[in-house]
C-alpha atoms as a PDB file:
ATOM      1  CA  MET A   1       2.542 -35.103  49.363  1.00  0.00           C
ATOM      2  CA  ASN A   2       1.750 -36.462  52.828  1.00  0.00           C
ATOM      3  CA  THR A   3       2.619 -35.032  56.204  1.00  0.00           C
ATOM      4  CA  THR A   4       3.911 -37.663  58.562  1.00  0.00           C
ATOM      5  CA  ALA A   5       5.137 -35.490  61.441  1.00  0.00           C
ATOM      6  CA  PRO A   6       4.257 -32.092  62.871  1.00  0.00           C
ATOM      7  CA  ALA A   7       6.464 -29.127  62.027  1.00  0.00           C
ATOM      8  CA  ARG A   8       8.799 -28.293  64.892  1.00  0.00           C
ATOM      9  CA  THR A   9      10.096 -24.978  63.534  1.00  0.00           C
ATOM     10  CA  ALA A  10       8.677 -21.988  61.709  1.00  0.00           C
ATOM     11  CA  ASN A  11       8.327 -22.499  57.975  1.00  0.00           C
ATOM     12  CA  ALA A  12       7.652 -20.125  55.103  1.00  0.00           C
ATOM     13  CA  THR A  13       3.893 -20.663  55.174  1.00  0.00           C
ATOM     14  CA  LEU A  14       3.669 -19.977  58.894  1.00  0.00           C
ATOM     15  CA  LEU A  15       5.731 -16.798  58.559  1.00  0.00           C
ATOM     16  CA  LEU A  16       3.590 -15.542  55.668  1.00  0.00           C
ATOM     17  CA  VAL A  17       0.402 -16.174  57.648  1.00  0.00           C
ATOM     18  CA  GLN A  18       1.894 -14.452  60.700  1.00  0.00           C
ATOM     19  CA  GLU A  19       2.882 -11.448  58.556  1.00  0.00           C
ATOM     20  CA  ARG A  20      -0.582 -11.077  57.053  1.00  0.00           C
ATOM     21  CA  LEU A  21      -2.343 -11.494  60.409  1.00  0.00           C
ATOM     22  CA  ALA A  22       0.003  -8.929  61.974  1.00  0.00           C
ATOM     23  CA  GLU A  23      -0.745  -6.425  59.203  1.00  0.00           C
ATOM     24  CA  LEU A  24      -4.506  -6.896  59.433  1.00  0.00           C
ATOM     25  CA  GLY A  25      -4.546  -6.909  63.223  1.00  0.00           C
ATOM     26  CA  ALA A  26      -2.399  -3.795  63.470  1.00  0.00           C
ATOM     27  CA  ALA A  27      -4.544  -1.885  60.975  1.00  0.00           C
ATOM     28  CA  TYR A  28      -7.687  -2.882  62.874  1.00  0.00           C
ATOM     29  CA  VAL A  29      -6.315  -1.868  66.280  1.00  0.00           C
ATOM     30  CA  VAL A  30      -5.104   1.508  65.032  1.00  0.00           C
ATOM     31  CA  ALA A  31      -8.429   2.227  63.311  1.00  0.00           C
ATOM     32  CA  GLN A  32     -10.365   1.314  66.461  1.00  0.00           C
ATOM     33  CA  ASP A  33      -8.091   3.179  68.876  1.00  0.00           C
ATOM     34  CA  ALA A  34      -7.966   6.300  66.712  1.00  0.00           C
ATOM     35  CA  GLU A  35     -11.742   6.653  67.044  1.00  0.00           C
ATOM     36  CA  ALA A  36     -12.190   5.342  70.598  1.00  0.00           C
ATOM     37  CA  ASP A  37     -12.801   7.489  73.656  1.00  0.00           C
ATOM     38  CA  SER A  38     -10.843   4.911  75.672  1.00  0.00           C
ATOM     39  CA  PRO A  39      -8.216   3.334  73.404  1.00  0.00           C
ATOM     40  CA  ARG A  40      -7.204  -0.220  74.253  1.00  0.00           C
ATOM     41  CA  LEU A  41      -3.599  -0.364  73.041  1.00  0.00           C
ATOM     42  CA  PHE A  42      -2.584   3.126  71.912  1.00  0.00           C
ATOM     43  CA  ASP A  43      -3.288   4.935  75.152  1.00  0.00           C
ATOM     44  CA  GLU A  44      -0.232   7.224  75.219  1.00  0.00           C
ATOM     45  CA  VAL A  45      -0.706   8.895  71.827  1.00  0.00           C
ATOM     46  CA  ASP A  46      -3.657  10.405  70.015  1.00  0.00           C
ATOM     47  CA  PHE A  47      -2.262   9.955  66.490  1.00  0.00           C
ATOM     48  CA  THR A  48      -1.223  13.597  66.104  1.00  0.00           C
ATOM     49  CA  GLU A  49       2.257  13.340  67.626  1.00  0.00           C
ATOM     50  CA  THR A  50       5.428  13.375  65.603  1.00  0.00           C
ATOM     51  CA  PRO A  51       8.993  13.149  66.909  1.00  0.00           C
ATOM     52  CA  GLU A  52       9.261  16.932  66.643  1.00  0.00           C
ATOM     53  CA  ASP A  53       6.371  17.688  68.989  1.00  0.00           C
ATOM     54  CA  GLY A  54       5.539  14.491  70.865  1.00  0.00           C
ATOM     55  CA  GLU A  55       8.646  12.376  71.285  1.00  0.00           C
ATOM     56  CA  ALA A  56       8.056  11.798  75.015  1.00  0.00           C
ATOM     57  CA  ALA A  57       4.507  10.510  74.414  1.00  0.00           C
ATOM     58  CA  MET A  58       5.746   8.350  71.549  1.00  0.00           C
ATOM     59  CA  ALA A  59       8.487   6.872  73.747  1.00  0.00           C
ATOM     60  CA  ARG A  60       5.897   6.094  76.445  1.00  0.00           C
ATOM     61  CA  GLN A  61       3.732   4.426  73.782  1.00  0.00           C
ATOM     62  CA  VAL A  62       6.630   2.240  72.667  1.00  0.00           C
ATOM     63  CA  GLN A  63       7.305   1.298  76.293  1.00  0.00           C
ATOM     64  CA  SER A  64       3.626   0.424  76.690  1.00  0.00           C
ATOM     65  CA  LEU A  65       3.662  -1.722  73.541  1.00  0.00           C
ATOM     66  CA  PHE A  66       6.712  -3.670  74.718  1.00  0.00           C
ATOM     67  CA  TRP A  67       5.114  -4.248  78.106  1.00  0.00           C
ATOM     68  CA  ARG A  68       1.766  -5.348  76.701  1.00  0.00           C
ATOM     69  CA  LEU A  69       3.105  -7.447  73.814  1.00  0.00           C
ATOM     70  CA  TYR A  70       6.248  -8.990  75.288  1.00  0.00           C
ATOM     71  CA  GLY A  71       5.988  -8.422  79.031  1.00  0.00           C
ATOM     72  CA  ASP A  72       9.241  -6.439  78.902  1.00  0.00           C
ATOM     73  CA  ARG A  73       9.806  -3.184  80.762  1.00  0.00           C
ATOM     74  CA  ILE A  74      12.156  -1.006  78.745  1.00  0.00           C
ATOM     75  CA  ASP A  75      13.674   2.409  79.405  1.00  0.00           C
ATOM     76  CA  ALA A  76      12.345   5.454  77.573  1.00  0.00           C
ATOM     77  CA  ASP A  77      15.883   6.213  76.467  1.00  0.00           C
ATOM     78  CA  GLY A  78      16.730   2.578  75.715  1.00  0.00           C
ATOM     79  CA  GLU A  79      17.863   1.111  72.435  1.00  0.00           C
ATOM     80  CA  GLU A  80      14.499  -0.590  71.820  1.00  0.00           C
ATOM     81  CA  VAL A  81      12.661   2.736  71.936  1.00  0.00           C
ATOM     82  CA  ALA A  82      15.262   4.355  69.694  1.00  0.00           C
ATOM     83  CA  ALA A  83      14.994   1.510  67.161  1.00  0.00           C
ATOM     84  CA  VAL A  84      11.193   1.645  67.083  1.00  0.00           C
ATOM     85  CA  LEU A  85      11.164   5.430  66.740  1.00  0.00           C
ATOM     86  CA  ASP A  86      13.695   5.145  63.888  1.00  0.00           C
ATOM     87  CA  LEU A  87      11.350   2.648  62.220  1.00  0.00           C
ATOM     88  CA  TRP A  88       8.461   5.039  62.899  1.00  0.00           C
ATOM     89  CA  GLY A  89      10.353   7.840  61.131  1.00  0.00           C
ATOM     90  CA  ASP A  90      11.162   5.671  58.120  1.00  0.00           C
ATOM     91  CA  LEU A  91       7.556   4.526  57.800  1.00  0.00           C
ATOM     92  CA  TYR A  92       6.218   8.055  58.233  1.00  0.00           C
ATOM     93  CA  ARG A  93       8.457   9.325  55.445  1.00  0.00           C
ATOM     94  CA  ALA A  94       7.110   6.533  53.207  1.00  0.00           C
ATOM     95  CA  GLU A  95       3.440   6.668  54.276  1.00  0.00           C
ATOM     96  CA  GLY A  96       2.892  10.292  55.288  1.00  0.00           C
ATOM     97  CA  ASP A  97       0.069   9.185  57.600  1.00  0.00           C
ATOM     98  CA  ILE A  98       0.487   8.864  61.361  1.00  0.00           C
ATOM     99  CA  GLY A  99      -2.131   6.126  61.765  1.00  0.00           C
ATOM    100  CA  ALA A 100      -0.668   4.010  58.975  1.00  0.00           C
ATOM    101  CA  THR A 101       2.768   4.543  60.477  1.00  0.00           C
ATOM    102  CA  TRP A 102       1.701   3.256  63.905  1.00  0.00           C
ATOM    103  CA  ALA A 103      -0.004   0.304  62.174  1.00  0.00           C
ATOM    104  CA  GLY A 104       3.281  -0.492  60.441  1.00  0.00           C
ATOM    105  CA  VAL A 105       5.171  -0.305  63.733  1.00  0.00           C
ATOM    106  CA  LEU A 106       2.655  -2.533  65.492  1.00  0.00           C
ATOM    107  CA  SER A 107       2.739  -4.986  62.589  1.00  0.00           C
ATOM    108  CA  ALA A 108       6.526  -5.208  62.857  1.00  0.00           C
ATOM    109  CA  LEU A 109       6.301  -5.811  66.605  1.00  0.00           C
ATOM    110  CA  LEU A 110       3.692  -8.520  66.113  1.00  0.00           C
ATOM    111  CA  ARG A 111       5.920 -10.267  63.554  1.00  0.00           C
ATOM    112  CA  ASP A 112       8.789 -10.520  66.007  1.00  0.00           C
ATOM    113  CA  PRO A 113       9.880 -14.150  66.471  1.00  0.00           C
ATOM    114  CA  GLU A 114       9.121 -13.766  70.202  1.00  0.00           C
ATOM    115  CA  MET A 115       5.445 -13.650  69.243  1.00  0.00           C
ATOM    116  CA  LEU A 116       5.562 -17.102  67.629  1.00  0.00           C
ATOM    117  CA  VAL A 117       5.007 -20.218  69.656  1.00  0.00           C
ATOM    118  CA  TYR A 118       6.313 -23.264  67.884  1.00  0.00           C
END
């Protein structure tokens, strides 16, 4: 009933809050960038690309996201890009909407344990 010491590790409540904030934040960013003349985060894609016709731009976008979110420079043909583009494909098959798909990808990246400070 009483808390006598601060939590030193992630708990279920913290992870649920992080998940919800990541979902809301990702949806907001995608909605704003899709309409913006100068997008803030999604500056390599214009939300019309699919792996069939815009894989290079999508790979650059993933590289940009890793740099801006984690401070990591990754290769366009690296395993991180391949994993994110696989996730993108799975989400696109489920959603059928490019914007919602990028929001799902961004949400997953924001929920990465590297984003938590505890």
